[in-house]
Amino acid sequence: MKAHYNPDYQNILTCIFIPVQEWNSLKSEPSDIESAGAYQIPDWQKKIVLNRMEAFDAGLEDSLDLEEAMREIEKDL
């Protein structure tokens, strides 16, 4: 049995069916995503986030709800 790809009505891939043996093989192999160092955040990014959190806690920075943030992002695209 080979892999079977299922696109939706817009021809966008929505799922893939693979043989059980192949699935078991994939599950047993460690991936980069699961390895310890895969998501190391650089110190400079941590500092930016901490500064923003402190500014928000001090009332110096506003927040947006998700819908408003998405509208702002889409407007700039």
N, C-alpha and C. Protein backbone atom coordinates (compact mmCIF):
# COMPACT_ATOMS: atom_id res chain seq x y z
N MET A 1 0.84 -1.19 0.00
CA MET A 1 0.00 0.00 0.00
C MET A 1 0.88 1.25 0.00
N LYS A 2 0.52 2.22 -0.82
CA LYS A 2 1.25 3.47 -0.88
C LYS A 2 0.47 4.54 -0.12
N ALA A 3 1.12 5.67 0.11
CA ALA A 3 0.45 6.79 0.76
C ALA A 3 -0.68 7.29 -0.13
N HIS A 4 -1.77 7.71 0.51
CA HIS A 4 -2.93 8.20 -0.21
C HIS A 4 -3.20 9.63 0.24
N TYR A 5 -3.21 10.59 -0.69
CA TYR A 5 -3.37 12.00 -0.39
C TYR A 5 -4.80 12.44 -0.68
N ASN A 6 -5.42 13.16 0.24
CA ASN A 6 -6.79 13.63 0.06
C ASN A 6 -6.84 15.15 0.03
N PRO A 7 -7.07 15.73 -1.15
CA PRO A 7 -7.26 17.19 -1.22
C PRO A 7 -8.73 17.54 -1.00
N ASP A 8 -8.99 18.79 -0.62
CA ASP A 8 -10.37 19.24 -0.50
C ASP A 8 -10.86 19.75 -1.85
N TYR A 9 -12.02 20.40 -1.87
CA TYR A 9 -12.60 20.85 -3.14
C TYR A 9 -11.78 21.94 -3.82
N GLN A 10 -10.87 22.61 -3.08
CA GLN A 10 -9.99 23.62 -3.67
C GLN A 10 -8.62 23.04 -4.00
N ASN A 11 -8.53 21.73 -3.94
CA ASN A 11 -7.29 21.00 -4.21
C ASN A 11 -6.19 21.29 -3.19
N ILE A 12 -6.61 21.64 -1.97
CA ILE A 12 -5.66 21.84 -0.87
C ILE A 12 -5.58 20.54 -0.08
N LEU A 13 -4.38 20.07 0.15
CA LEU A 13 -4.19 18.80 0.85
C LEU A 13 -4.74 18.89 2.27
N THR A 14 -5.64 17.98 2.62
CA THR A 14 -6.25 18.00 3.95
C THR A 14 -5.83 16.83 4.81
N CYS A 15 -5.46 15.71 4.21
CA CYS A 15 -5.00 14.58 5.00
C CYS A 15 -4.20 13.61 4.13
N ILE A 16 -3.42 12.80 4.81
CA ILE A 16 -2.62 11.78 4.15
C ILE A 16 -2.82 10.48 4.90
N PHE A 17 -3.14 9.43 4.17
CA PHE A 17 -3.24 8.10 4.75
C PHE A 17 -1.95 7.36 4.41
N ILE A 18 -1.31 6.80 5.43
CA ILE A 18 -0.08 6.05 5.20
C ILE A 18 -0.22 4.66 5.81
N PRO A 19 0.55 3.70 5.32
CA PRO A 19 0.49 2.36 5.89
C PRO A 19 0.87 2.36 7.37
N VAL A 20 0.28 1.45 8.12
CA VAL A 20 0.53 1.37 9.56
C VAL A 20 2.01 1.15 9.85
N GLN A 21 2.68 0.31 9.07
CA GLN A 21 4.11 0.07 9.31
C GLN A 21 4.91 1.36 9.20
N GLU A 22 4.58 2.17 8.20
CA GLU A 22 5.29 3.44 8.03
C GLU A 22 4.99 4.39 9.20
N TRP A 23 3.73 4.41 9.65
CA TRP A 23 3.34 5.24 10.79
C TRP A 23 4.11 4.82 12.04
N ASN A 24 4.16 3.53 12.30
CA ASN A 24 4.88 3.04 13.47
C ASN A 24 6.36 3.39 13.40
N SER A 25 6.92 3.33 12.21
CA SER A 25 8.32 3.70 12.03
C SER A 25 8.52 5.19 12.33
N LEU A 26 7.62 6.03 11.84
CA LEU A 26 7.72 7.47 12.10
C LEU A 26 7.58 7.78 13.59
N LYS A 27 6.67 7.08 14.26
CA LYS A 27 6.46 7.31 15.69
C LYS A 27 7.68 6.92 16.51
N SER A 28 8.39 5.90 16.09
CA SER A 28 9.51 5.40 16.88
C SER A 28 10.78 6.21 16.70
N GLU A 29 10.87 6.98 15.61
CA GLU A 29 12.06 7.79 15.36
C GLU A 29 11.94 9.15 16.04
N PRO A 30 12.97 9.56 16.77
CA PRO A 30 12.90 10.90 17.36
C PRO A 30 12.99 11.96 16.26
N SER A 31 12.20 12.99 16.39
CA SER A 31 12.24 14.06 15.39
C SER A 31 12.94 15.29 15.96
N ASP A 32 13.33 16.20 15.10
CA ASP A 32 13.95 17.44 15.55
C ASP A 32 13.02 18.23 16.45
N ILE A 33 11.73 18.15 16.17
CA ILE A 33 10.76 18.89 16.96
C ILE A 33 10.77 18.43 18.41
N GLU A 34 10.92 17.14 18.62
CA GLU A 34 10.87 16.59 19.97
C GLU A 34 12.22 16.63 20.67
N SER A 35 13.28 16.93 19.95
CA SER A 35 14.60 16.92 20.59
C SER A 35 14.76 18.13 21.50
N ALA A 36 15.63 18.02 22.47
CA ALA A 36 15.77 19.00 23.54
C ALA A 36 16.09 20.41 23.05
N GLY A 37 16.93 20.56 22.07
CA GLY A 37 17.35 21.89 21.66
C GLY A 37 16.60 22.48 20.49
N ALA A 38 15.48 21.89 20.12
CA ALA A 38 14.79 22.33 18.91
C ALA A 38 14.20 23.72 19.02
N TYR A 39 13.80 24.13 20.20
CA TYR A 39 13.13 25.41 20.35
C TYR A 39 13.86 26.33 21.31
N GLN A 40 15.13 26.51 21.10
CA GLN A 40 15.91 27.43 21.92
C GLN A 40 15.58 28.86 21.49
N ILE A 41 15.10 29.66 22.41
CA ILE A 41 14.78 31.05 22.10
C ILE A 41 15.99 31.91 22.42
N PRO A 42 16.44 32.72 21.47
CA PRO A 42 17.61 33.57 21.71
C PRO A 42 17.35 34.57 22.84
N ASP A 43 18.40 34.90 23.58
CA ASP A 43 18.27 35.83 24.71
C ASP A 43 17.70 37.17 24.29
N TRP A 44 18.08 37.67 23.10
CA TRP A 44 17.58 38.98 22.68
C TRP A 44 16.07 38.97 22.49
N GLN A 45 15.51 37.82 22.05
CA GLN A 45 14.05 37.72 21.90
C GLN A 45 13.38 37.64 23.27
N LYS A 46 14.00 36.93 24.21
CA LYS A 46 13.45 36.85 25.56
C LYS A 46 13.39 38.23 26.19
N LYS A 47 14.44 39.04 25.98
CA LYS A 47 14.47 40.39 26.55
C LYS A 47 13.34 41.25 25.99
N ILE A 48 13.10 41.15 24.69
CA ILE A 48 12.03 41.92 24.07
C ILE A 48 10.68 41.54 24.68
N VAL A 49 10.43 40.26 24.81
CA VAL A 49 9.16 39.80 25.37
C VAL A 49 9.02 40.25 26.82
N LEU A 50 10.08 40.10 27.61
CA LEU A 50 10.02 40.52 29.01
C LEU A 50 9.76 42.02 29.13
N ASN A 51 10.41 42.82 28.28
CA ASN A 51 10.18 44.27 28.30
C ASN A 51 8.74 44.60 27.95
N ARG A 52 8.18 43.91 26.98
CA ARG A 52 6.79 44.15 26.60
C ARG A 52 5.83 43.75 27.72
N MET A 53 6.12 42.64 28.38
CA MET A 53 5.27 42.20 29.49
C MET A 53 5.33 43.20 30.64
N GLU A 54 6.52 43.70 30.95
CA GLU A 54 6.66 44.69 32.01
C GLU A 54 5.92 45.98 31.65
N ALA A 55 6.02 46.41 30.40
CA ALA A 55 5.32 47.62 29.95
C ALA A 55 3.81 47.43 30.05
N PHE A 56 3.32 46.25 29.69
CA PHE A 56 1.89 45.97 29.78
C PHE A 56 1.44 45.98 31.23
N ASP A 57 2.20 45.33 32.12
CA ASP A 57 1.86 45.28 33.54
C ASP A 57 1.85 46.68 34.16
N ALA A 58 2.73 47.56 33.67
CA ALA A 58 2.81 48.93 34.19
C ALA A 58 1.77 49.85 33.55
N GLY A 59 0.97 49.31 32.62
CA GLY A 59 -0.05 50.12 31.96
C GLY A 59 0.49 51.00 30.85
N LEU A 60 1.70 50.73 30.39
CA LEU A 60 2.32 51.54 29.35
C LEU A 60 2.06 51.01 27.95
N GLU A 61 1.51 49.83 27.85
CA GLU A 61 1.27 49.21 26.55
C GLU A 61 -0.11 48.57 26.55
N ASP A 62 -0.86 48.80 25.47
CA ASP A 62 -2.20 48.23 25.34
C ASP A 62 -2.13 46.86 24.69
N SER A 63 -3.21 46.13 24.81
CA SER A 63 -3.29 44.84 24.14
C SER A 63 -4.45 44.87 23.16
N LEU A 64 -4.42 43.99 22.18
CA LEU A 64 -5.49 43.85 21.21
C LEU A 64 -6.10 42.47 21.37
N ASP A 65 -7.41 42.38 21.12
CA ASP A 65 -7.96 41.03 21.11
C ASP A 65 -7.57 40.37 19.79
N LEU A 66 -7.72 39.09 19.69
CA LEU A 66 -7.25 38.34 18.53
C LEU A 66 -7.88 38.84 17.23
N GLU A 67 -9.18 39.07 17.24
CA GLU A 67 -9.86 39.51 16.02
C GLU A 67 -9.31 40.85 15.54
N GLU A 68 -9.11 41.78 16.47
CA GLU A 68 -8.57 43.09 16.11
C GLU A 68 -7.14 42.97 15.58
N ALA A 69 -6.35 42.14 16.23
CA ALA A 69 -4.97 41.93 15.78
C ALA A 69 -4.93 41.33 14.38
N MET A 70 -5.80 40.36 14.11
CA MET A 70 -5.85 39.75 12.78
C MET A 70 -6.26 40.77 11.71
N ARG A 71 -7.22 41.65 12.04
CA ARG A 71 -7.62 42.69 11.08
C ARG A 71 -6.44 43.62 10.78
N GLU A 72 -5.68 43.98 11.81
CA GLU A 72 -4.52 44.85 11.62
C GLU A 72 -3.47 44.18 10.73
N ILE A 73 -3.23 42.91 10.97
CA ILE A 73 -2.24 42.18 10.17
C ILE A 73 -2.70 42.07 8.73
N GLU A 74 -3.96 41.69 8.52
CA GLU A 74 -4.48 41.52 7.16
C GLU A 74 -4.53 42.83 6.40
N LYS A 75 -4.74 43.93 7.11
CA LYS A 75 -4.79 45.25 6.47
C LYS A 75 -3.43 45.59 5.86
N ASP A 76 -2.35 45.15 6.51
CA ASP A 76 -1.00 45.45 6.04
C ASP A 76 -0.50 44.51 4.95
N LEU A 77 -1.24 43.45 4.68
CA LEU A 77 -0.79 42.49 3.66
C LEU A 77 -1.09 42.93 2.26
